[in-house]
Amino acid sequence: MESKKTLFTAEKLLIGILAVVAIFVTVLAVVPSYRQELRNYFGPEHRTILAKISGDLTGRGMRVTVLKIQTRENLVLEIYSEENPETSTIMAKIPLPEKRDAYFSLKGNATNLGLADIDDDGTLEILVPTFDEQMVARLNIYKFNVEARTFERVTAPPDTSF
């Protein structure tokens, strides 16, 4: 008789534990922010290089390498100076406003990162296509400011064609 009560109590305890686990799993499945936090906690940090391009931004021999990188949270541009061929030093790390990679046509070629002189001033601008949350294509353009040695986001002049 006593073992039946113990068995019944153990059975109730097991059902209670399973119910709590089921509720926990359901909450994780339904709430995206909790799911993302759990994924971030257990998943390793990753960086995927989506594109790489090199060029002379100023027209006076200032060569750089630009990387378009996908992280877990967003897209990032990393710009490295090639002044010293032995080592590359990072000049800037620019988080992009959108999170989704995109392609566009530059001189007849599909690319997701480009260098072009869009304002006809003799210097190259960095062209970075992305998609926003509503899947609307955006073209982010960054110009190097020689005096400040920084990269500034600019808009394309009217009637610009790539």
Protein backbone atom coordinates (compact mmCIF):
# COMPACT_ATOMS: atom_id res chain seq x y z
CA MET A 1 0.00 0.00 0.00
CA GLU A 2 2.81 2.36 0.92
CA SER A 3 4.67 1.72 -2.37
CA LYS A 4 1.49 2.63 -4.33
CA LYS A 5 1.39 6.04 -2.61
CA THR A 6 5.08 6.59 -3.32
CA LEU A 7 4.57 5.61 -6.95
CA PHE A 8 1.57 7.95 -7.22
CA THR A 9 3.56 10.85 -5.69
CA ALA A 10 6.55 10.23 -7.96
CA GLU A 11 4.19 10.13 -10.94
CA LYS A 12 2.66 13.49 -9.95
CA LEU A 13 6.12 14.99 -9.52
CA LEU A 14 7.23 13.75 -12.95
CA ILE A 15 4.09 15.15 -14.61
CA GLY A 16 4.65 18.49 -12.85
CA ILE A 17 8.27 18.67 -14.04
CA LEU A 18 7.25 17.79 -17.61
CA ALA A 19 4.53 20.49 -17.52
CA VAL A 20 7.04 23.13 -16.39
CA VAL A 21 9.50 22.07 -19.11
CA ALA A 22 6.71 22.18 -21.73
CA ILE A 23 5.72 25.70 -20.65
CA PHE A 24 9.36 26.82 -20.74
CA VAL A 25 9.90 25.42 -24.26
CA THR A 26 6.63 26.99 -25.46
CA VAL A 27 7.63 30.42 -24.14
CA LEU A 28 11.02 30.12 -25.86
CA ALA A 29 9.34 29.15 -29.13
CA VAL A 30 6.75 31.94 -29.01
CA VAL A 31 8.85 34.91 -27.81
CA PRO A 32 11.53 35.77 -30.42
CA SER A 33 13.63 37.89 -28.06
CA TYR A 34 13.98 35.00 -25.59
CA ARG A 35 14.83 32.63 -28.43
CA GLN A 36 17.51 35.04 -29.69
CA GLU A 37 18.98 35.48 -26.21
CA LEU A 38 19.21 31.71 -25.76
CA ARG A 39 20.84 31.37 -29.18
CA ASN A 40 23.33 34.13 -28.32
CA TYR A 41 24.16 32.50 -25.00
CA PHE A 42 24.94 29.07 -26.44
CA GLY A 43 26.03 29.96 -29.97
CA PRO A 44 29.54 31.16 -30.72
CA GLU A 45 30.15 34.66 -32.09
CA HIS A 46 30.50 34.45 -35.83
CA ARG A 47 31.67 36.82 -38.54
CA THR A 48 31.19 36.01 -42.18
CA ILE A 49 33.06 38.03 -44.80
CA LEU A 50 30.52 38.72 -47.54
CA ALA A 51 32.71 40.85 -49.81
CA LYS A 52 36.20 42.27 -50.12
CA ILE A 53 37.39 45.07 -52.37
CA SER A 54 40.62 47.07 -52.59
CA GLY A 55 41.35 50.38 -54.21
CA ASP A 56 42.80 53.89 -54.05
CA LEU A 57 40.15 56.10 -52.45
CA THR A 58 41.88 59.46 -52.91
CA GLY A 59 43.49 59.04 -56.33
CA ARG A 60 46.84 59.84 -54.70
CA GLY A 61 47.98 56.37 -53.71
CA MET A 62 46.00 55.82 -50.51
CA ARG A 63 45.08 52.16 -50.95
CA VAL A 64 42.56 50.52 -48.66
CA THR A 65 40.84 47.16 -48.34
CA VAL A 66 37.14 47.22 -47.53
CA LEU A 67 35.38 44.20 -46.01
CA LYS A 68 31.62 43.75 -45.76
CA ILE A 69 31.01 41.49 -42.76
CA GLN A 70 27.83 39.81 -41.49
CA THR A 71 27.71 39.39 -37.72
CA ARG A 72 24.89 37.91 -35.70
CA GLU A 73 23.44 41.36 -35.02
CA ASN A 74 24.13 43.39 -38.19
CA LEU A 75 26.22 44.18 -41.23
CA VAL A 76 29.53 45.97 -40.70
CA LEU A 77 32.07 47.62 -42.99
CA GLU A 78 35.69 47.31 -41.91
CA ILE A 79 38.19 49.49 -43.75
CA TYR A 80 41.90 48.67 -43.52
CA SER A 81 44.79 50.87 -44.61
CA GLU A 82 47.38 49.30 -46.91
CA GLU A 83 50.04 51.97 -46.34
CA ASN A 84 52.39 49.39 -44.86
CA PRO A 85 52.30 46.15 -46.90
CA GLU A 86 53.56 44.16 -43.89
CA THR A 87 50.57 44.96 -41.68
CA SER A 88 47.05 46.19 -42.26
CA THR A 89 45.68 48.66 -39.73
CA ILE A 90 41.99 49.25 -39.28
CA MET A 91 40.92 52.76 -40.25
CA ALA A 92 37.21 52.46 -39.52
CA LYS A 93 34.51 50.05 -38.46
CA ILE A 94 31.11 51.23 -39.70
CA PRO A 95 27.91 49.44 -38.62
CA LEU A 96 25.41 49.62 -41.47
CA PRO A 97 21.86 50.82 -40.73
CA GLU A 98 20.27 47.73 -42.29
CA LYS A 99 20.84 44.06 -41.45
CA ARG A 100 20.33 42.27 -44.78
CA ASP A 101 22.88 41.93 -47.56
CA ALA A 102 21.96 42.96 -51.11
CA TYR A 103 23.44 43.11 -54.60
CA PHE A 104 23.30 45.79 -57.28
CA SER A 105 24.59 46.21 -60.81
CA LEU A 106 27.85 48.17 -61.08
CA LYS A 107 29.13 48.61 -64.64
CA GLY A 108 27.16 45.57 -65.75
CA ASN A 109 28.33 43.26 -62.94
CA ALA A 110 26.30 42.14 -59.92
CA THR A 111 28.13 42.97 -56.70
CA ASN A 112 27.42 43.52 -53.02
CA LEU A 113 30.29 45.97 -52.48
CA GLY A 114 31.77 48.48 -54.88
CA LEU A 115 34.09 51.43 -55.37
CA ALA A 116 33.09 54.16 -57.83
CA ASP A 117 33.48 57.90 -58.34
CA ILE A 118 29.81 58.84 -58.26
CA ASP A 119 30.24 62.61 -57.83
CA ASP A 120 33.03 63.07 -60.44
CA ASP A 121 35.49 64.61 -57.98
CA GLY A 122 38.34 62.21 -58.74
CA THR A 123 37.97 60.17 -55.54
CA LEU A 124 36.25 56.84 -55.08
CA GLU A 125 33.26 56.30 -52.83
CA ILE A 126 32.36 53.01 -51.15
CA LEU A 127 29.00 51.66 -52.38
CA VAL A 128 27.22 49.22 -50.07
CA PRO A 129 23.79 47.83 -51.02
CA THR A 130 21.48 46.49 -48.29
CA PHE A 131 17.84 45.63 -47.66
CA ASP A 132 15.84 47.14 -44.80
CA GLU A 133 13.27 45.30 -42.64
CA GLN A 134 10.57 45.64 -45.35
CA MET A 135 13.00 44.30 -48.00
CA VAL A 136 13.35 47.73 -49.62
CA ALA A 137 16.74 48.07 -51.31
CA ARG A 138 19.07 50.78 -49.99
CA LEU A 139 22.40 51.97 -51.38
CA ASN A 140 24.69 53.24 -48.63
CA ILE A 141 27.49 55.49 -49.92
CA TYR A 142 30.56 56.38 -47.85
CA LYS A 143 33.14 59.00 -48.80
CA PHE A 144 36.58 59.37 -47.23
CA ASN A 145 37.23 62.81 -45.69
CA VAL A 146 40.98 63.31 -46.17
CA GLU A 147 41.33 66.14 -43.63
CA ALA A 148 39.45 64.39 -40.82
CA ARG A 149 40.55 60.90 -41.94
CA THR A 150 37.00 59.64 -41.40
CA PHE A 151 34.30 58.11 -43.54
CA GLU A 152 31.07 60.04 -44.01
CA ARG A 153 27.77 58.76 -45.30
CA VAL A 154 26.61 60.70 -48.36
CA THR A 155 23.72 60.61 -50.81
CA ALA A 156 24.05 59.97 -54.51
CA PRO A 157 23.83 62.99 -56.78
CA PRO A 158 20.73 63.20 -59.01
CA ASP A 159 20.91 61.33 -62.33
CA THR A 160 23.58 58.95 -61.04
CA SER A 161 23.91 55.74 -63.00
CA PHE A 162 26.08 52.80 -62.12
